[in-house]
C-alpha atoms as a PDB file:
ATOM      1  CA  MET A   1      96.916  74.895  96.017  1.00  0.00           C
ATOM      2  CA  LYS A   2      94.266  76.671  93.962  1.00  0.00           C
ATOM      3  CA  ALA A   3      93.831  80.633  93.904  1.00  0.00           C
ATOM      4  CA  ILE A   4      89.943  81.781  94.114  1.00  0.00           C
ATOM      5  CA  GLY A   5      88.298  84.679  92.722  1.00  0.00           C
ATOM      6  CA  ARG A   6      90.536  87.444  91.028  1.00  0.00           C
ATOM      7  CA  TYR A   7      93.594  86.351  92.722  1.00  0.00           C
ATOM      8  CA  LEU A   8      96.786  84.503  91.301  1.00  0.00           C
ATOM      9  CA  ILE A   9      99.451  82.615  93.226  1.00  0.00           C
ATOM     10  CA  VAL A  10     102.634  83.603  91.724  1.00  0.00           C
ATOM     11  CA  GLU A  11     106.344  82.291  92.160  1.00  0.00           C
ATOM     12  CA  GLN A  12     108.634  85.332  92.469  1.00  0.00           C
ATOM     13  CA  SER A  13     111.529  85.434  90.073  1.00  0.00           C
ATOM     14  CA  ASP A  14     114.999  85.491  91.611  1.00  0.00           C
ATOM     15  CA  ALA A  15     116.869  86.309  88.686  1.00  0.00           C
ATOM     16  CA  PRO A  16     119.268  89.182  88.997  1.00  0.00           C
ATOM     17  CA  VAL A  17     118.158  92.405  87.583  1.00  0.00           C
ATOM     18  CA  LYS A  18     120.348  93.928  84.910  1.00  0.00           C
ATOM     19  CA  THR A  19     120.397  97.188  83.115  1.00  0.00           C
ATOM     20  CA  GLN A  20     120.304  97.526  79.326  1.00  0.00           C
ATOM     21  CA  ALA A  21     124.120  97.883  79.359  1.00  0.00           C
ATOM     22  CA  GLY A  22     124.514  94.407  81.398  1.00  0.00           C
ATOM     23  CA  LEU A  23     125.227  96.013  84.740  1.00  0.00           C
ATOM     24  CA  LEU A  24     123.867  94.132  87.683  1.00  0.00           C
ATOM     25  CA  VAL A  25     121.582  96.058  89.940  1.00  0.00           C
ATOM     26  CA  THR A  26     122.162  95.915  93.730  1.00  0.00           C
ATOM     27  CA  ALA A  27     119.528  94.343  96.194  1.00  0.00           C
ATOM     28  CA  GLN A  28     119.349  97.986  97.510  1.00  0.00           C
ATOM     29  CA  ASP A  29     118.443  99.601  94.060  1.00  0.00           C
ATOM     30  CA  SER A  30     116.316  96.627  92.904  1.00  0.00           C
ATOM     31  CA  ALA A  31     114.174  97.051  96.145  1.00  0.00           C
ATOM     32  CA  GLN A  32     113.039 100.568  94.658  1.00  0.00           C
ATOM     33  CA  ILE A  33     111.807  98.981  91.404  1.00  0.00           C
ATOM     34  CA  ARG A  34     108.041  98.817  91.793  1.00  0.00           C
ATOM     35  CA  TYR A  35     107.277  95.921  89.441  1.00  0.00           C
ATOM     36  CA  GLN A  36     108.280  92.269  90.027  1.00  0.00           C
ATOM     37  CA  GLU A  37     108.601  89.270  87.705  1.00  0.00           C
ATOM     38  CA  GLY A  38     107.119  85.978  88.607  1.00  0.00           C
ATOM     39  CA  LYS A  39     105.601  82.911  87.082  1.00  0.00           C
ATOM     40  CA  VAL A  40     101.811  82.168  87.631  1.00  0.00           C
ATOM     41  CA  LEU A  41     101.412  79.083  89.526  1.00  0.00           C
ATOM     42  CA  SER A  42      97.513  79.029  89.866  1.00  0.00           C
ATOM     43  CA  VAL A  43      94.800  81.483  88.734  1.00  0.00           C
ATOM     44  CA  GLY A  44      91.566  82.259  90.395  1.00  0.00           C
ATOM     45  CA  THR A  45      88.181  81.289  89.148  1.00  0.00           C
ATOM     46  CA  ASP A  46      87.379  84.721  87.889  1.00  0.00           C
ATOM     47  CA  VAL A  47      90.555  85.525  86.112  1.00  0.00           C
ATOM     48  CA  LYS A  48      90.027  85.252  82.376  1.00  0.00           C
ATOM     49  CA  HIS A  49      93.154  86.770  80.437  1.00  0.00           C
ATOM     50  CA  ILE A  50      95.915  84.957  82.554  1.00  0.00           C
ATOM     51  CA  GLN A  51      96.861  81.375  82.569  1.00  0.00           C
ATOM     52  CA  ALA A  52      99.113  79.058  84.892  1.00  0.00           C
ATOM     53  CA  GLY A  53     102.485  78.892  83.662  1.00  0.00           C
ATOM     54  CA  GLU A  54     102.877  82.524  82.135  1.00  0.00           C
ATOM     55  CA  VAL A  55     105.248  85.010  83.097  1.00  0.00           C
ATOM     56  CA  ILE A  56     103.917  88.200  84.325  1.00  0.00           C
ATOM     57  CA  TYR A  57     105.203  91.542  85.800  1.00  0.00           C
ATOM     58  CA  TYR A  58     103.098  92.839  88.864  1.00  0.00           C
ATOM     59  CA  ASP A  59     102.907  95.715  91.272  1.00  0.00           C
ATOM     60  CA  LYS A  60     104.769  94.184  94.338  1.00  0.00           C
ATOM     61  CA  VAL A  61     103.112  96.863  96.629  1.00  0.00           C
ATOM     62  CA  ALA A  62      99.697  95.344  96.055  1.00  0.00           C
ATOM     63  CA  SER A  63     100.798  91.686  96.478  1.00  0.00           C
ATOM     64  CA  HIS A  64     100.979  89.578  99.541  1.00  0.00           C
ATOM     65  CA  LYS A  65     103.781  87.181 100.644  1.00  0.00           C
ATOM     66  CA  ALA A  66     102.617  83.763 101.885  1.00  0.00           C
ATOM     67  CA  ARG A  67     104.068  80.304 102.677  1.00  0.00           C
ATOM     68  CA  LEU A  68     101.998  77.604 100.981  1.00  0.00           C
ATOM     69  CA  GLY A  69     103.144  73.948 101.331  1.00  0.00           C
ATOM     70  CA  GLY A  70     106.738  75.029 102.371  1.00  0.00           C
ATOM     71  CA  GLN A  71     107.259  77.381  99.298  1.00  0.00           C
ATOM     72  CA  SER A  72     107.330  80.963  99.371  1.00  0.00           C
ATOM     73  CA  VAL A  73     104.803  82.638  97.072  1.00  0.00           C
ATOM     74  CA  GLN A  74     102.985  85.885  96.270  1.00  0.00           C
ATOM     75  CA  ILE A  75      99.364  86.224  96.361  1.00  0.00           C
ATOM     76  CA  VAL A  76      98.753  88.889  93.629  1.00  0.00           C
ATOM     77  CA  PRO A  77      95.167  90.444  92.763  1.00  0.00           C
ATOM     78  CA  GLU A  78      94.446  90.407  88.940  1.00  0.00           C
ATOM     79  CA  SER A  79      94.196  94.217  88.864  1.00  0.00           C
ATOM     80  CA  ALA A  80      97.928  94.436  89.963  1.00  0.00           C
ATOM     81  CA  VAL A  81      99.250  92.627  86.784  1.00  0.00           C
ATOM     82  CA  VAL A  82     100.551  95.079  84.309  1.00  0.00           C
ATOM     83  CA  VAL A  83     102.358  92.930  81.812  1.00  0.00           C
ATOM     84  CA  VAL A  84     101.737  89.243  80.651  1.00  0.00           C
ATOM     85  CA  MET A  85     104.752  87.823  78.687  1.00  0.00           C
END
């Protein structure tokens, strides 16, 4: 699978969300968090500052879920990326 244009194919992180005090955030509370962590699987041809394998935070409202090759992934526009780790 290969992204085109200014899009990224991202594997969503399923790691539990913790507060700074170490408390686990419930699924209901984590649904209110706007930004999601994920690992970039493929970058589009017009994306310049992000590479495959990097961990990013992106606006989950701007992304779309898809099933590619039996794997659930997010299709994220480059403009929705807020942090590159």
